[in-house]
Amino acid sequence: MKVPDTQENLMKCICGSCPSHNQCMKDKMQGLFCAREKSDCEIEKKGCICGQCPLFSEYGLENLYYCINGAEE
């Protein structure tokens, strides 16, 4: 199920705590990748915590690394 890009969901988002979330993404205030498009920053895979996010179970998500792959449809 597509995750709505809402303020409520942004407040639940844990992207900023991800080991792969880097300074470029912080500087651009990027997050909520499961609802938005992928990051335009270069990303080194250092681990993924998408599966631990409350939005992951709430919306029945199945993928990981939304920052690299973009939103789940």
C-alpha atoms as a PDB file:
ATOM      1  CA  MET A   1       0.000   0.000   0.000  1.00  0.00           C
ATOM      2  CA  LYS A   2       1.323   3.467  -0.839  1.00  0.00           C
ATOM      3  CA  VAL A   3       2.345   5.483   2.197  1.00  0.00           C
ATOM      4  CA  PRO A   4       0.714   8.936   2.253  1.00  0.00           C
ATOM      5  CA  ASP A   5       3.168  11.843   2.423  1.00  0.00           C
ATOM      6  CA  THR A   6       1.664  13.502   5.497  1.00  0.00           C
ATOM      7  CA  GLN A   7       2.997  15.399   8.512  1.00  0.00           C
ATOM      8  CA  GLU A   8       1.695  12.589  10.745  1.00  0.00           C
ATOM      9  CA  ASN A   9       3.723   9.995   8.834  1.00  0.00           C
ATOM     10  CA  LEU A  10       6.767  12.265   8.795  1.00  0.00           C
ATOM     11  CA  MET A  11       6.595  12.363  12.611  1.00  0.00           C
ATOM     12  CA  LYS A  12       6.700   8.523  12.682  1.00  0.00           C
ATOM     13  CA  CYS A  13       9.586   8.358  10.206  1.00  0.00           C
ATOM     14  CA  ILE A  14      12.890   6.885  11.449  1.00  0.00           C
ATOM     15  CA  CYS A  15      14.977   7.566   8.318  1.00  0.00           C
ATOM     16  CA  GLY A  16      17.187  10.005  10.227  1.00  0.00           C
ATOM     17  CA  SER A  17      18.305   7.191  12.555  1.00  0.00           C
ATOM     18  CA  CYS A  18      19.322   4.861   9.730  1.00  0.00           C
ATOM     19  CA  PRO A  19      23.045   4.028   9.441  1.00  0.00           C
ATOM     20  CA  SER A  20      22.820   4.711   5.683  1.00  0.00           C
ATOM     21  CA  HIS A  21      21.287   8.197   6.201  1.00  0.00           C
ATOM     22  CA  ASN A  22      24.193  10.508   5.469  1.00  0.00           C
ATOM     23  CA  GLN A  23      25.147  14.162   5.824  1.00  0.00           C
ATOM     24  CA  CYS A  24      23.930  14.997   2.308  1.00  0.00           C
ATOM     25  CA  MET A  25      20.434  13.728   3.173  1.00  0.00           C
ATOM     26  CA  LYS A  26      20.527  15.605   6.490  1.00  0.00           C
ATOM     27  CA  ASP A  27      21.587  18.838   4.763  1.00  0.00           C
ATOM     28  CA  LYS A  28      18.709  18.469   2.284  1.00  0.00           C
ATOM     29  CA  MET A  29      16.311  17.456   5.092  1.00  0.00           C
ATOM     30  CA  GLN A  30      15.402  14.269   3.225  1.00  0.00           C
ATOM     31  CA  GLY A  31      13.403  11.450   4.758  1.00  0.00           C
ATOM     32  CA  LEU A  32      10.112   9.569   4.530  1.00  0.00           C
ATOM     33  CA  PHE A  33      11.503   7.819   1.470  1.00  0.00           C
ATOM     34  CA  CYS A  34       8.802   5.108   1.628  1.00  0.00           C
ATOM     35  CA  ALA A  35       6.293   7.846   0.688  1.00  0.00           C
ATOM     36  CA  ARG A  36       8.551  10.067  -1.396  1.00  0.00           C
ATOM     37  CA  GLU A  37      11.025   9.518  -4.175  1.00  0.00           C
ATOM     38  CA  LYS A  38      14.517   8.183  -3.611  1.00  0.00           C
ATOM     39  CA  SER A  39      17.314  10.445  -2.499  1.00  0.00           C
ATOM     40  CA  ASP A  40      19.436  12.300  -5.022  1.00  0.00           C
ATOM     41  CA  CYS A  41      22.444  11.914  -2.695  1.00  0.00           C
ATOM     42  CA  GLU A  42      25.117   9.269  -3.138  1.00  0.00           C
ATOM     43  CA  ILE A  43      24.385   6.550  -0.599  1.00  0.00           C
ATOM     44  CA  GLU A  44      26.683   3.930   0.829  1.00  0.00           C
ATOM     45  CA  LYS A  45      24.709   0.954   2.145  1.00  0.00           C
ATOM     46  CA  LYS A  46      25.593   0.715   5.833  1.00  0.00           C
ATOM     47  CA  GLY A  47      22.467  -1.108   6.960  1.00  0.00           C
ATOM     48  CA  CYS A  48      18.740  -0.529   6.677  1.00  0.00           C
ATOM     49  CA  ILE A  49      16.192  -0.036   9.458  1.00  0.00           C
ATOM     50  CA  CYS A  50      13.089   0.346   7.276  1.00  0.00           C
ATOM     51  CA  GLY A  51      11.702  -2.904   8.702  1.00  0.00           C
ATOM     52  CA  GLN A  52      11.756  -1.373  12.200  1.00  0.00           C
ATOM     53  CA  CYS A  53       9.752   1.701  11.199  1.00  0.00           C
ATOM     54  CA  PRO A  54       6.131   1.852  12.413  1.00  0.00           C
ATOM     55  CA  LEU A  55       5.071   2.808   8.872  1.00  0.00           C
ATOM     56  CA  PHE A  56       6.536  -0.462   7.545  1.00  0.00           C
ATOM     57  CA  SER A  57       4.008  -2.603   9.426  1.00  0.00           C
ATOM     58  CA  GLU A  58       1.199  -0.042   9.353  1.00  0.00           C
ATOM     59  CA  TYR A  59       1.191   0.025   5.546  1.00  0.00           C
ATOM     60  CA  GLY A  60       2.280  -3.573   4.913  1.00  0.00           C
ATOM     61  CA  LEU A  61       5.514  -2.561   3.220  1.00  0.00           C
ATOM     62  CA  GLU A  62       7.798  -5.251   1.843  1.00  0.00           C
ATOM     63  CA  ASN A  63      10.920  -3.575   0.471  1.00  0.00           C
ATOM     64  CA  LEU A  64      13.989  -2.003   2.037  1.00  0.00           C
ATOM     65  CA  TYR A  65      16.358   0.848   1.169  1.00  0.00           C
ATOM     66  CA  TYR A  66      13.621   3.260   0.091  1.00  0.00           C
ATOM     67  CA  CYS A  67      16.277   5.998   0.065  1.00  0.00           C
ATOM     68  CA  ILE A  68      17.919   4.167  -2.843  1.00  0.00           C
ATOM     69  CA  ASN A  69      14.917   2.502  -4.516  1.00  0.00           C
ATOM     70  CA  GLY A  70      12.171   5.082  -3.969  1.00  0.00           C
ATOM     71  CA  ALA A  71       8.633   4.752  -2.658  1.00  0.00           C
ATOM     72  CA  GLU A  72       6.746   1.497  -2.654  1.00  0.00           C
ATOM     73  CA  GLU A  73       3.635   1.585  -4.823  1.00  0.00           C
END
